Amino acid sequence: MDVQIFGVKKNPETRKALRFFAERRVKTHFVDLAEKAASLGELRRFAQKFGVSALVDSGSKRFLDRGLGNARMSDDRWLELLAEEPLMLRMPLVRQQNKLSVGLAETEWSGWVSTA
C-alpha cells in the first residue's frame, strides 16, 4: 500500500498524517507544498469528491493576507488560485489509489490500512 500526502512540514495535521502512516509501516510519498504545488488535475480530483470549499482553508494566514473572505469566484477560478497559492489549502490532502481525504481523517485512514 502506498499513500501520497500533500502538505507542508510545519503543519501539525500534516505531521500527524505522516506519523500515522509511518507507525503502521505504510509507504508514503510526501509532496511538500511549500516547495512544489499540487497540479490542477490533482486538485480537481479532490474537488470532485469534496467540493472546492472543502479544500480552502479560510483560516490560513495566506488566505487572510489576500483578503479573500468575501470573494465570490467560480470553482475553476478557486482551483486555479489554490494551484498558485497551495498554502491556502486545507491540509493534509491524502490519496491512496482512488481513496481521498482532506484534513485529519485518522478513522478513514485506519479503514484504508485494515483493508490493504
PDB file of N, CA and C in Angstrom:
ATOM      1  N   MET A   1       0.839  -1.181   0.000  1.00  0.00           N
ATOM      2  CA  MET A   1       0.000   0.000   0.000  1.00  0.00           C
ATOM      3  C   MET A   1       0.880   1.239   0.000  1.00  0.00           C
ATOM      4  N   ASP A   2       0.599   2.164  -0.905  1.00  0.00           N
ATOM      5  CA  ASP A   2       1.298   3.439  -0.985  1.00  0.00           C
ATOM      6  C   ASP A   2       0.300   4.571  -0.787  1.00  0.00           C
ATOM      7  N   VAL A   3       0.746   5.595  -0.087  1.00  0.00           N
ATOM      8  CA  VAL A   3      -0.105   6.758   0.187  1.00  0.00           C
ATOM      9  C   VAL A   3       0.644   8.007  -0.233  1.00  0.00           C
ATOM     10  N   GLN A   4      -0.074   8.930  -0.859  1.00  0.00           N
ATOM     11  CA  GLN A   4       0.505  10.213  -1.230  1.00  0.00           C
ATOM     12  C   GLN A   4      -0.094  11.279  -0.317  1.00  0.00           C
ATOM     13  N   ILE A   5       0.784  12.074   0.301  1.00  0.00           N
ATOM     14  CA  ILE A   5       0.352  13.110   1.240  1.00  0.00           C
ATOM     15  C   ILE A   5       0.831  14.462   0.731  1.00  0.00           C
ATOM     16  N   PHE A   6      -0.123  15.379   0.563  1.00  0.00           N
ATOM     17  CA  PHE A   6       0.184  16.744   0.181  1.00  0.00           C
ATOM     18  C   PHE A   6       0.051  17.613   1.423  1.00  0.00           C
ATOM     19  N   GLY A   7       1.078  18.399   1.720  1.00  0.00           N
ATOM     20  CA  GLY A   7       1.037  19.273   2.884  1.00  0.00           C
ATOM     21  C   GLY A   7       2.346  20.021   3.034  1.00  0.00           C
ATOM     22  N   VAL A   8       2.517  20.668   4.176  1.00  0.00           N
ATOM     23  CA  VAL A   8       3.787  21.320   4.498  1.00  0.00           C
ATOM     24  C   VAL A   8       4.270  20.768   5.835  1.00  0.00           C
ATOM     25  N   LYS A   9       5.573  20.693   5.983  1.00  0.00           N
ATOM     26  CA  LYS A   9       6.151  20.088   7.177  1.00  0.00           C
ATOM     27  C   LYS A   9       5.808  20.833   8.463  1.00  0.00           C
ATOM     28  N   LYS A  10       5.544  22.130   8.369  1.00  0.00           N
ATOM     29  CA  LYS A  10       5.234  22.922   9.562  1.00  0.00           C
ATOM     30  C   LYS A  10       3.793  22.722  10.039  1.00  0.00           C
ATOM     31  N   ASN A  11       2.944  22.154   9.206  1.00  0.00           N
ATOM     32  CA  ASN A  11       1.534  21.977   9.545  1.00  0.00           C
ATOM     33  C   ASN A  11       1.363  20.795  10.493  1.00  0.00           C
ATOM     34  N   PRO A  12       0.755  20.999  11.671  1.00  0.00           N
ATOM     35  CA  PRO A  12       0.632  19.903  12.644  1.00  0.00           C
ATOM     36  C   PRO A  12      -0.211  18.731  12.134  1.00  0.00           C
ATOM     37  N   GLU A  13      -1.269  18.990  11.356  1.00  0.00           N
ATOM     38  CA  GLU A  13      -2.086  17.893  10.837  1.00  0.00           C
ATOM     39  C   GLU A  13      -1.309  17.063   9.822  1.00  0.00           C
ATOM     40  N   THR A  14      -0.473  17.725   9.033  1.00  0.00           N
ATOM     41  CA  THR A  14       0.359  17.006   8.070  1.00  0.00           C
ATOM     42  C   THR A  14       1.352  16.116   8.804  1.00  0.00           C
ATOM     43  N   ARG A  15       1.958  16.633   9.864  1.00  0.00           N
ATOM     44  CA  ARG A  15       2.900  15.827  10.651  1.00  0.00           C
ATOM     45  C   ARG A  15       2.190  14.626  11.277  1.00  0.00           C
ATOM     46  N   LYS A  16       0.948  14.823  11.752  1.00  0.00           N
ATOM     47  CA  LYS A  16       0.182  13.717  12.325  1.00  0.00           C
ATOM     48  C   LYS A  16      -0.111  12.656  11.274  1.00  0.00           C
ATOM     49  N   ALA A  17      -0.422  13.090  10.058  1.00  0.00           N
ATOM     50  CA  ALA A  17      -0.689  12.133   8.975  1.00  0.00           C
ATOM     51  C   ALA A  17       0.570  11.331   8.645  1.00  0.00           C
ATOM     52  N   LEU A  18       1.694  11.999   8.548  1.00  0.00           N
ATOM     53  CA  LEU A  18       2.954  11.300   8.266  1.00  0.00           C
ATOM     54  C   LEU A  18       3.279  10.302   9.369  1.00  0.00           C
ATOM     55  N   ARG A  19       3.073  10.715  10.612  1.00  0.00           N
ATOM     56  CA  ARG A  19       3.337   9.838  11.754  1.00  0.00           C
ATOM     57  C   ARG A  19       2.375   8.643  11.750  1.00  0.00           C
ATOM     58  N   PHE A  20       1.093   8.900  11.467  1.00  0.00           N
ATOM     59  CA  PHE A  20       0.086   7.843  11.440  1.00  0.00           C
ATOM     60  C   PHE A  20       0.508   6.720  10.491  1.00  0.00           C
ATOM     61  N   PHE A  21       0.877   7.086   9.277  1.00  0.00           N
ATOM     62  CA  PHE A  21       1.239   6.064   8.297  1.00  0.00           C
ATOM     63  C   PHE A  21       2.601   5.442   8.595  1.00  0.00           C
ATOM     64  N   ALA A  22       3.534   6.217   9.136  1.00  0.00           N
ATOM     65  CA  ALA A  22       4.847   5.671   9.493  1.00  0.00           C
ATOM     66  C   ALA A  22       4.723   4.626  10.595  1.00  0.00           C
ATOM     67  N   GLU A  23       3.859   4.888  11.592  1.00  0.00           N
ATOM     68  CA  GLU A  23       3.662   3.936  12.687  1.00  0.00           C
ATOM     69  C   GLU A  23       3.081   2.616  12.197  1.00  0.00           C
ATOM     70  N   ARG A  24       2.360   2.664  11.085  1.00  0.00           N
ATOM     71  CA  ARG A  24       1.742   1.453  10.530  1.00  0.00           C
ATOM     72  C   ARG A  24       2.551   0.882   9.365  1.00  0.00           C
ATOM     73  N   ARG A  25       3.767   1.391   9.210  1.00  0.00           N
ATOM     74  CA  ARG A  25       4.702   0.940   8.182  1.00  0.00           C
ATOM     75  C   ARG A  25       4.100   0.989   6.781  1.00  0.00           C
ATOM     76  N   VAL A  26       3.390   2.077   6.512  1.00  0.00           N
ATOM     77  CA  VAL A  26       2.816   2.302   5.191  1.00  0.00           C
ATOM     78  C   VAL A  26       3.752   3.232   4.436  1.00  0.00           C
ATOM     79  N   LYS A  27       4.101   2.850   3.217  1.00  0.00           N
ATOM     80  CA  LYS A  27       4.997   3.655   2.396  1.00  0.00           C
ATOM     81  C   LYS A  27       4.274   4.930   1.976  1.00  0.00           C
ATOM     82  N   THR A  28       4.919   6.087   2.225  1.00  0.00           N
ATOM     83  CA  THR A  28       4.307   7.365   1.891  1.00  0.00           C
ATOM     84  C   THR A  28       5.173   8.122   0.894  1.00  0.00           C
ATOM     85  N   HIS A  29       4.505   8.866   0.050  1.00  0.00           N
ATOM     86  CA  HIS A  29       5.168   9.808  -0.854  1.00  0.00           C
ATOM     87  C   HIS A  29       4.681  11.187  -0.426  1.00  0.00           C
ATOM     88  N   PHE A  30       5.575  11.972   0.149  1.00  0.00           N
ATOM     89  CA  PHE A  30       5.212  13.291   0.674  1.00  0.00           C
ATOM     90  C   PHE A  30       5.504  14.364  -0.360  1.00  0.00           C
ATOM     91  N   VAL A  31       4.504  15.188  -0.661  1.00  0.00           N
ATOM     92  CA  VAL A  31       4.669  16.331  -1.556  1.00  0.00           C
ATOM     93  C   VAL A  31       4.595  17.578  -0.683  1.00  0.00           C
ATOM     94  N   ASP A  32       5.741  18.246  -0.533  1.00  0.00           N
ATOM     95  CA  ASP A  32       5.810  19.461   0.279  1.00  0.00           C
ATOM     96  C   ASP A  32       5.306  20.628  -0.559  1.00  0.00           C
ATOM     97  N   LEU A  33       4.130  21.133  -0.201  1.00  0.00           N
ATOM     98  CA  LEU A  33       3.504  22.201  -0.968  1.00  0.00           C
ATOM     99  C   LEU A  33       4.270  23.520  -0.873  1.00  0.00           C
ATOM    100  N   ALA A  34       5.155  23.642   0.095  1.00  0.00           N
ATOM    101  CA  ALA A  34       5.982  24.842   0.195  1.00  0.00           C
ATOM    102  C   ALA A  34       7.037  24.848  -0.909  1.00  0.00           C
ATOM    103  N   GLU A  35       7.367  23.662  -1.418  1.00  0.00           N
ATOM    104  CA  GLU A  35       8.382  23.545  -2.463  1.00  0.00           C
ATOM    105  C   GLU A  35       7.771  23.343  -3.844  1.00  0.00           C
ATOM    106  N   LYS A  36       6.693  22.556  -3.907  1.00  0.00           N
ATOM    107  CA  LYS A  36       6.083  22.230  -5.198  1.00  0.00           C
ATOM    108  C   LYS A  36       4.571  22.162  -5.018  1.00  0.00           C
ATOM    109  N   ALA A  37       3.871  22.953  -5.792  1.00  0.00           N
ATOM    110  CA  ALA A  37       2.412  22.987  -5.695  1.00  0.00           C
ATOM    111  C   ALA A  37       1.795  21.733  -6.295  1.00  0.00           C
ATOM    112  N   ALA A  38       0.615  21.378  -5.807  1.00  0.00           N
ATOM    113  CA  ALA A  38      -0.141  20.269  -6.391  1.00  0.00           C
ATOM    114  C   ALA A  38      -0.643  20.711  -7.764  1.00  0.00           C
ATOM    115  N   SER A  39      -0.730  19.763  -8.678  1.00  0.00           N
ATOM    116  CA  SER A  39      -1.192  20.102 -10.024  1.00  0.00           C
ATOM    117  C   SER A  39      -2.684  20.415 -10.007  1.00  0.00           C
ATOM    118  N   LEU A  40      -3.121  21.124 -11.019  1.00  0.00           N
ATOM    119  CA  LEU A  40      -4.530  21.468 -11.145  1.00  0.00           C
ATOM    120  C   LEU A  40      -5.375  20.203 -11.266  1.00  0.00           C
ATOM    121  N   GLY A  41      -4.875  19.219 -11.998  1.00  0.00           N
ATOM    122  CA  GLY A  41      -5.597  17.950 -12.142  1.00  0.00           C
ATOM    123  C   GLY A  41      -5.756  17.218 -10.823  1.00  0.00           C
ATOM    124  N   GLU A  42      -4.721  17.249 -10.012  1.00  0.00           N
ATOM    125  CA  GLU A  42      -4.778  16.604  -8.697  1.00  0.00           C
ATOM    126  C   GLU A  42      -5.806  17.312  -7.816  1.00  0.00           C
ATOM    127  N   LEU A  43      -5.810  18.626  -7.841  1.00  0.00           N
ATOM    128  CA  LEU A  43      -6.779  19.387  -7.052  1.00  0.00           C
ATOM    129  C   LEU A  43      -8.209  19.133  -7.528  1.00  0.00           C
ATOM    130  N   ARG A  44      -8.387  18.999  -8.834  1.00  0.00           N
ATOM    131  CA  ARG A  44      -9.718  18.698  -9.375  1.00  0.00           C
ATOM    132  C   ARG A  44     -10.241  17.368  -8.847  1.00  0.00           C
ATOM    133  N   ARG A  45      -9.353  16.388  -8.725  1.00  0.00           N
ATOM    134  CA  ARG A  45      -9.740  15.079  -8.201  1.00  0.00           C
ATOM    135  C   ARG A  45     -10.324  15.211  -6.794  1.00  0.00           C
ATOM    136  N   PHE A  46      -9.676  15.983  -5.945  1.00  0.00           N
ATOM    137  CA  PHE A  46     -10.176  16.203  -4.585  1.00  0.00           C
ATOM    138  C   PHE A  46     -11.465  17.029  -4.603  1.00  0.00           C
ATOM    139  N   ALA A  47     -11.519  18.036  -5.482  1.00  0.00           N
ATOM    140  CA  ALA A  47     -12.693  18.904  -5.562  1.00  0.00           C
ATOM    141  C   ALA A  47     -13.924  18.142  -6.046  1.00  0.00           C
ATOM    142  N   GLN A  48     -13.747  17.165  -6.927  1.00  0.00           N
ATOM    143  CA  GLN A  48     -14.879  16.384  -7.406  1.00  0.00           C
ATOM    144  C   GLN A  48     -15.529  15.596  -6.283  1.00  0.00           C
ATOM    145  N   LYS A  49     -14.722  15.134  -5.358  1.00  0.00           N
ATOM    146  CA  LYS A  49     -15.272  14.332  -4.261  1.00  0.00           C
ATOM    147  C   LYS A  49     -15.803  15.203  -3.118  1.00  0.00           C
ATOM    148  N   PHE A  50     -15.062  16.242  -2.745  1.00  0.00           N
ATOM    149  CA  PHE A  50     -15.397  17.013  -1.543  1.00  0.00           C
ATOM    150  C   PHE A  50     -15.973  18.400  -1.829  1.00  0.00           C
ATOM    151  N   GLY A  51     -15.807  18.897  -3.041  1.00  0.00           N
ATOM    152  CA  GLY A  51     -16.197  20.270  -3.353  1.00  0.00           C
ATOM    153  C   GLY A  51     -15.041  21.220  -3.090  1.00  0.00           C
ATOM    154  N   VAL A  52     -15.007  22.295  -3.836  1.00  0.00           N
ATOM    155  CA  VAL A  52     -13.893  23.237  -3.736  1.00  0.00           C
ATOM    156  C   VAL A  52     -13.832  23.880  -2.354  1.00  0.00           C
ATOM    157  N   SER A  53     -14.987  24.172  -1.770  1.00  0.00           N
ATOM    158  CA  SER A  53     -14.993  24.855  -0.471  1.00  0.00           C
ATOM    159  C   SER A  53     -14.323  24.020   0.619  1.00  0.00           C
ATOM    160  N   ALA A  54     -14.349  22.690   0.491  1.00  0.00           N
ATOM    161  CA  ALA A  54     -13.697  21.827   1.479  1.00  0.00           C
ATOM    162  C   ALA A  54     -12.171  21.893   1.374  1.00  0.00           C
ATOM    163  N   LEU A  55     -11.666  22.327   0.235  1.00  0.00           N
ATOM    164  CA  LEU A  55     -10.220  22.404   0.032  1.00  0.00           C
ATOM    165  C   LEU A  55      -9.622  23.714   0.532  1.00  0.00           C
ATOM    166  N   VAL A  56     -10.449  24.736   0.667  1.00  0.00           N
ATOM    167  CA  VAL A  56      -9.954  26.065   1.043  1.00  0.00           C
ATOM    168  C   VAL A  56      -9.881  26.180   2.563  1.00  0.00           C
ATOM    169  N   ASP A  57      -8.702  26.547   3.055  1.00  0.00           N
ATOM    170  CA  ASP A  57      -8.525  26.801   4.490  1.00  0.00           C
ATOM    171  C   ASP A  57      -8.724  28.298   4.719  1.00  0.00           C
ATOM    172  N   SER A  58      -9.958  28.665   5.054  1.00  0.00           N
ATOM    173  CA  SER A  58     -10.284  30.082   5.205  1.00  0.00           C
ATOM    174  C   SER A  58      -9.637  30.710   6.436  1.00  0.00           C
ATOM    175  N   GLY A  59      -9.016  29.908   7.271  1.00  0.00           N
ATOM    176  CA  GLY A  59      -8.317  30.441   8.435  1.00  0.00           C
ATOM    177  C   GLY A  59      -6.821  30.550   8.238  1.00  0.00           C
ATOM    178  N   SER A  60      -6.337  30.156   7.060  1.00  0.00           N
ATOM    179  CA  SER A  60      -4.889  30.190   6.830  1.00  0.00           C
ATOM    180  C   SER A  60      -4.391  31.629   6.699  1.00  0.00           C
ATOM    181  N   LYS A  61      -3.156  31.820   7.079  1.00  0.00           N
ATOM    182  CA  LYS A  61      -2.557  33.151   7.023  1.00  0.00           C
ATOM    183  C   LYS A  61      -2.557  33.685   5.599  1.00  0.00           C
ATOM    184  N   ARG A  62      -2.252  32.840   4.636  1.00  0.00           N
ATOM    185  CA  ARG A  62      -2.198  33.261   3.227  1.00  0.00           C
ATOM    186  C   ARG A  62      -3.582  33.711   2.740  1.00  0.00           C
ATOM    187  N   PHE A  63      -4.619  32.987   3.116  1.00  0.00           N
ATOM    188  CA  PHE A  63      -5.990  33.329   2.736  1.00  0.00           C
ATOM    189  C   PHE A  63      -6.371  34.692   3.304  1.00  0.00           C
ATOM    190  N   LEU A  64      -6.064  34.895   4.585  1.00  0.00           N
ATOM    191  CA  LEU A  64      -6.392  36.156   5.248  1.00  0.00           C
ATOM    192  C   LEU A  64      -5.572  37.316   4.693  1.00  0.00           C
ATOM    193  N   ASP A  65      -4.285  37.076   4.398  1.00  0.00           N
ATOM    194  CA  ASP A  65      -3.429  38.126   3.837  1.00  0.00           C
ATOM    195  C   ASP A  65      -3.935  38.611   2.485  1.00  0.00           C
ATOM    196  N   ARG A  66      -4.514  37.709   1.719  1.00  0.00           N
ATOM    197  CA  ARG A  66      -5.024  38.070   0.394  1.00  0.00           C
ATOM    198  C   ARG A  66      -6.422  38.674   0.459  1.00  0.00           C
ATOM    199  N   GLY A  67      -7.037  38.683   1.631  1.00  0.00           N
ATOM    200  CA  GLY A  67      -8.345  39.301   1.805  1.00  0.00           C
ATOM    201  C   GLY A  67      -9.446  38.623   1.005  1.00  0.00           C
ATOM    202  N   LEU A  68      -9.472  37.311   1.031  1.00  0.00           N
ATOM    203  CA  LEU A  68     -10.432  36.568   0.219  1.00  0.00           C
ATOM    204  C   LEU A  68     -11.693  36.171   0.979  1.00  0.00           C
ATOM    205  N   GLY A  69     -11.889  36.708   2.165  1.00  0.00           N
ATOM    206  CA  GLY A  69     -13.026  36.329   2.988  1.00  0.00           C
ATOM    207  C   GLY A  69     -14.371  36.518   2.316  1.00  0.00           C
ATOM    208  N   ASN A  70     -14.522  37.567   1.530  1.00  0.00           N
ATOM    209  CA  ASN A  70     -15.794  37.839   0.860  1.00  0.00           C
ATOM    210  C   ASN A  70     -15.730  37.579  -0.636  1.00  0.00           C
ATOM    211  N   ALA A  71     -14.686  36.905  -1.097  1.00  0.00           N
ATOM    212  CA  ALA A  71     -14.507  36.669  -2.531  1.00  0.00           C
ATOM    213  C   ALA A  71     -15.561  35.711  -3.062  1.00  0.00           C
ATOM    214  N   ARG A  72     -16.084  36.039  -4.220  1.00  0.00           N
ATOM    215  CA  ARG A  72     -17.049  35.186  -4.918  1.00  0.00           C
ATOM    216  C   ARG A  72     -16.442  34.833  -6.269  1.00  0.00           C
ATOM    217  N   MET A  73     -15.997  33.594  -6.406  1.00  0.00           N
ATOM    218  CA  MET A  73     -15.369  33.147  -7.644  1.00  0.00           C
ATOM    219  C   MET A  73     -15.952  31.796  -8.047  1.00  0.00           C
ATOM    220  N   SER A  74     -15.764  31.470  -9.302  1.00  0.00           N
ATOM    221  CA  SER A  74     -16.203  30.160  -9.782  1.00  0.00           C
ATOM    222  C   SER A  74     -15.284  29.089  -9.204  1.00  0.00           C
ATOM    223  N   ASP A  75     -15.758  27.851  -9.230  1.00  0.00           N
ATOM    224  CA  ASP A  75     -14.940  26.739  -8.731  1.00  0.00           C
ATOM    225  C   ASP A  75     -13.633  26.624  -9.507  1.00  0.00           C
ATOM    226  N   ASP A  76     -13.702  26.829 -10.827  1.00  0.00           N
ATOM    227  CA  ASP A  76     -12.482  26.749 -11.637  1.00  0.00           C
ATOM    228  C   ASP A  76     -11.476  27.815 -11.233  1.00  0.00           C
ATOM    229  N   ARG A  77     -11.955  29.019 -10.964  1.00  0.00           N
ATOM    230  CA  ARG A  77     -11.045  30.096 -10.548  1.00  0.00           C
ATOM    231  C   ARG A  77     -10.451  29.797  -9.176  1.00  0.00           C
ATOM    232  N   TRP A  78     -11.247  29.247  -8.252  1.00  0.00           N
ATOM    233  CA  TRP A  78     -10.718  28.849  -6.938  1.00  0.00           C
ATOM    234  C   TRP A  78      -9.623  27.803  -7.105  1.00  0.00           C
ATOM    235  N   LEU A  79      -9.860  26.812  -7.970  1.00  0.00           N
ATOM    236  CA  LEU A  79      -8.855  25.763  -8.174  1.00  0.00           C
ATOM    237  C   LEU A  79      -7.566  26.342  -8.750  1.00  0.00           C
ATOM    238  N   GLU A  80      -7.696  27.275  -9.699  1.00  0.00           N
ATOM    239  CA  GLU A  80      -6.503  27.920 -10.247  1.00  0.00           C
ATOM    240  C   GLU A  80      -5.751  28.673  -9.150  1.00  0.00           C
ATOM    241  N   LEU A  81      -6.494  29.364  -8.305  1.00  0.00           N
ATOM    242  CA  LEU A  81      -5.886  30.121  -7.215  1.00  0.00           C
ATOM    243  C   LEU A  81      -5.200  29.186  -6.214  1.00  0.00           C
ATOM    244  N   LEU A  82      -5.835  28.062  -5.913  1.00  0.00           N
ATOM    245  CA  LEU A  82      -5.227  27.094  -4.994  1.00  0.00           C
ATOM    246  C   LEU A  82      -3.975  26.452  -5.595  1.00  0.00           C
ATOM    247  N   ALA A  83      -3.971  26.274  -6.917  1.00  0.00           N
ATOM    248  CA  ALA A  83      -2.772  25.737  -7.575  1.00  0.00           C
ATOM    249  C   ALA A  83      -1.634  26.754  -7.503  1.00  0.00           C
ATOM    250  N   GLU A  84      -1.975  28.040  -7.591  1.00  0.00           N
ATOM    251  CA  GLU A  84      -0.964  29.104  -7.497  1.00  0.00           C
ATOM    252  C   GLU A  84      -0.519  29.338  -6.059  1.00  0.00           C
ATOM    253  N   GLU A  85      -1.449  29.215  -5.131  1.00  0.00           N
ATOM    254  CA  GLU A  85      -1.199  29.502  -3.712  1.00  0.00           C
ATOM    255  C   GLU A  85      -1.527  28.264  -2.866  1.00  0.00           C
ATOM    256  N   PRO A  86      -0.695  27.238  -2.900  1.00  0.00           N
ATOM    257  CA  PRO A  86      -1.017  25.994  -2.197  1.00  0.00           C
ATOM    258  C   PRO A  86      -1.094  26.130  -0.677  1.00  0.00           C
ATOM    259  N   LEU A  87      -0.566  27.216  -0.119  1.00  0.00           N
ATOM    260  CA  LEU A  87      -0.631  27.384   1.331  1.00  0.00           C
ATOM    261  C   LEU A  87      -2.033  27.775   1.804  1.00  0.00           C
ATOM    262  N   MET A  88      -2.957  27.966   0.863  1.00  0.00           N
ATOM    263  CA  MET A  88      -4.354  28.234   1.222  1.00  0.00           C
ATOM    264  C   MET A  88      -5.177  26.941   1.261  1.00  0.00           C
ATOM    265  N   LEU A  89      -4.537  25.810   0.986  1.00  0.00           N
ATOM    266  CA  LEU A  89      -5.234  24.521   1.018  1.00  0.00           C
ATOM    267  C   LEU A  89      -5.412  24.022   2.440  1.00  0.00           C
ATOM    268  N   ARG A  90      -6.495  23.343   2.679  1.00  0.00           N
ATOM    269  CA  ARG A  90      -6.692  22.638   3.944  1.00  0.00           C
ATOM    270  C   ARG A  90      -5.823  21.393   3.884  1.00  0.00           C
ATOM    271  N   MET A  91      -5.009  21.189   4.890  1.00  0.00           N
ATOM    272  CA  MET A  91      -4.025  20.100   4.853  1.00  0.00           C
ATOM    273  C   MET A  91      -4.271  19.092   5.948  1.00  0.00           C
ATOM    274  N   PRO A  92      -3.820  17.886   5.753  1.00  0.00           N
ATOM    275  CA  PRO A  92      -3.202  17.327   4.554  1.00  0.00           C
ATOM    276  C   PRO A  92      -4.246  16.824   3.560  1.00  0.00           C
ATOM    277  N   LEU A  93      -3.841  16.769   2.306  1.00  0.00           N
ATOM    278  CA  LEU A  93      -4.614  16.078   1.283  1.00  0.00           C
ATOM    279  C   LEU A  93      -3.952  14.707   1.140  1.00  0.00           C
ATOM    280  N   VAL A  94      -4.724  13.656   1.314  1.00  0.00           N
ATOM    281  CA  VAL A  94      -4.156  12.299   1.304  1.00  0.00           C
ATOM    282  C   VAL A  94      -4.861  11.480   0.229  1.00  0.00           C
ATOM    283  N   ARG A  95      -4.050  10.743  -0.541  1.00  0.00           N
ATOM    284  CA  ARG A  95      -4.596   9.903  -1.603  1.00  0.00           C
ATOM    285  C   ARG A  95      -3.969   8.521  -1.533  1.00  0.00           C
ATOM    286  N   GLN A  96      -4.819   7.519  -1.597  1.00  0.00           N
ATOM    287  CA  GLN A  96      -4.372   6.125  -1.685  1.00  0.00           C
ATOM    288  C   GLN A  96      -5.196   5.496  -2.801  1.00  0.00           C
ATOM    289  N   GLN A  97      -4.581   5.347  -3.964  1.00  0.00           N
ATOM    290  CA  GLN A  97      -5.247   4.915  -5.192  1.00  0.00           C
ATOM    291  C   GLN A  97      -6.435   5.837  -5.469  1.00  0.00           C
ATOM    292  N   ASN A  98      -7.665   5.343  -5.395  1.00  0.00           N
ATOM    293  CA  ASN A  98      -8.832   6.185  -5.664  1.00  0.00           C
ATOM    294  C   ASN A  98      -9.481   6.720  -4.390  1.00  0.00           C
ATOM    295  N   LYS A  99      -8.893   6.439  -3.244  1.00  0.00           N
ATOM    296  CA  LYS A  99      -9.436   6.914  -1.966  1.00  0.00           C
ATOM    297  C   LYS A  99      -8.778   8.241  -1.626  1.00  0.00           C
ATOM    298  N   LEU A 100      -9.616   9.192  -1.190  1.00  0.00           N
ATOM    299  CA  LEU A 100      -9.129  10.536  -0.909  1.00  0.00           C
ATOM    300  C   LEU A 100      -9.608  11.007   0.451  1.00  0.00           C
ATOM    301  N   SER A 101      -8.821  11.883   1.073  1.00  0.00           N
ATOM    302  CA  SER A 101      -9.269  12.542   2.304  1.00  0.00           C
ATOM    303  C   SER A 101      -8.681  13.946   2.348  1.00  0.00           C
ATOM    304  N   VAL A 102      -9.398  14.833   3.025  1.00  0.00           N
ATOM    305  CA  VAL A 102      -8.954  16.213   3.219  1.00  0.00           C
ATOM    306  C   VAL A 102      -8.929  16.458   4.713  1.00  0.00           C
ATOM    307  N   GLY A 103      -7.798  16.962   5.201  1.00  0.00           N
ATOM    308  CA  GLY A 103      -7.673  17.218   6.629  1.00  0.00           C
ATOM    309  C   GLY A 103      -7.328  15.941   7.389  1.00  0.00           C
ATOM    310  N   LEU A 104      -7.336  16.052   8.686  1.00  0.00           N
ATOM    311  CA  LEU A 104      -7.004  14.932   9.553  1.00  0.00           C
ATOM    312  C   LEU A 104      -8.172  13.943   9.569  1.00  0.00           C
ATOM    313  N   ALA A 105      -7.944  12.730   9.084  1.00  0.00           N
ATOM    314  CA  ALA A 105      -9.020  11.732   8.959  1.00  0.00           C
ATOM    315  C   ALA A 105      -8.504  10.356   9.373  1.00  0.00           C
ATOM    316  N   GLU A 106      -8.037  10.249  10.619  1.00  0.00           N
ATOM    317  CA  GLU A 106      -7.422   9.009  11.080  1.00  0.00           C
ATOM    318  C   GLU A 106      -8.367   7.820  11.038  1.00  0.00           C
ATOM    319  N   THR A 107      -9.646   8.019  11.318  1.00  0.00           N
ATOM    320  CA  THR A 107     -10.616   6.917  11.268  1.00  0.00           C
ATOM    321  C   THR A 107     -10.711   6.364   9.855  1.00  0.00           C
ATOM    322  N   GLU A 108     -10.792   7.252   8.896  1.00  0.00           N
ATOM    323  CA  GLU A 108     -10.863   6.844   7.497  1.00  0.00           C
ATOM    324  C   GLU A 108      -9.578   6.139   7.071  1.00  0.00           C
ATOM    325  N   TRP A 109      -8.431   6.669   7.467  1.00  0.00           N
ATOM    326  CA  TRP A 109      -7.149   6.060   7.125  1.00  0.00           C
ATOM    327  C   TRP A 109      -7.018   4.671   7.740  1.00  0.00           C
ATOM    328  N   SER A 110      -7.540   4.502   8.955  1.00  0.00           N
ATOM    329  CA  SER A 110      -7.491   3.183   9.592  1.00  0.00           C
ATOM    330  C   SER A 110      -8.235   2.167   8.736  1.00  0.00           C
ATOM    331  N   GLY A 111      -9.344   2.575   8.155  1.00  0.00           N
ATOM    332  CA  GLY A 111     -10.086   1.687   7.259  1.00  0.00           C
ATOM    333  C   GLY A 111      -9.284   1.325   6.038  1.00  0.00           C
ATOM    334  N   TRP A 112      -8.536   2.282   5.494  1.00  0.00           N
ATOM    335  CA  TRP A 112      -7.706   2.010   4.342  1.00  0.00           C
ATOM    336  C   TRP A 112      -6.629   0.982   4.691  1.00  0.00           C
ATOM    337  N   VAL A 113      -5.989   1.169   5.841  1.00  0.00           N
ATOM    338  CA  VAL A 113      -4.891   0.300   6.252  1.00  0.00           C
ATOM    339  C   VAL A 113      -5.412  -1.113   6.533  1.00  0.00           C
ATOM    340  N   SER A 114      -6.564  -1.221   7.169  1.00  0.00           N
ATOM    341  CA  SER A 114      -7.093  -2.542   7.535  1.00  0.00           C
ATOM    342  C   SER A 114      -7.533  -3.334   6.315  1.00  0.00           C
ATOM    343  N   THR A 115      -7.938  -2.672   5.231  1.00  0.00           N
ATOM    344  CA  THR A 115      -8.366  -3.391   4.032  1.00  0.00           C
ATOM    345  C   THR A 115      -7.200  -3.698   3.096  1.00  0.00           C
ATOM    346  N   ALA A 116      -6.034  -3.130   3.359  1.00  0.00           N
ATOM    347  CA  ALA A 116      -4.884  -3.352   2.486  1.00  0.00           C
ATOM    348  C   ALA A 116      -4.224  -4.698   2.747  1.00  0.00           C
TER     349      ALA A 116
END
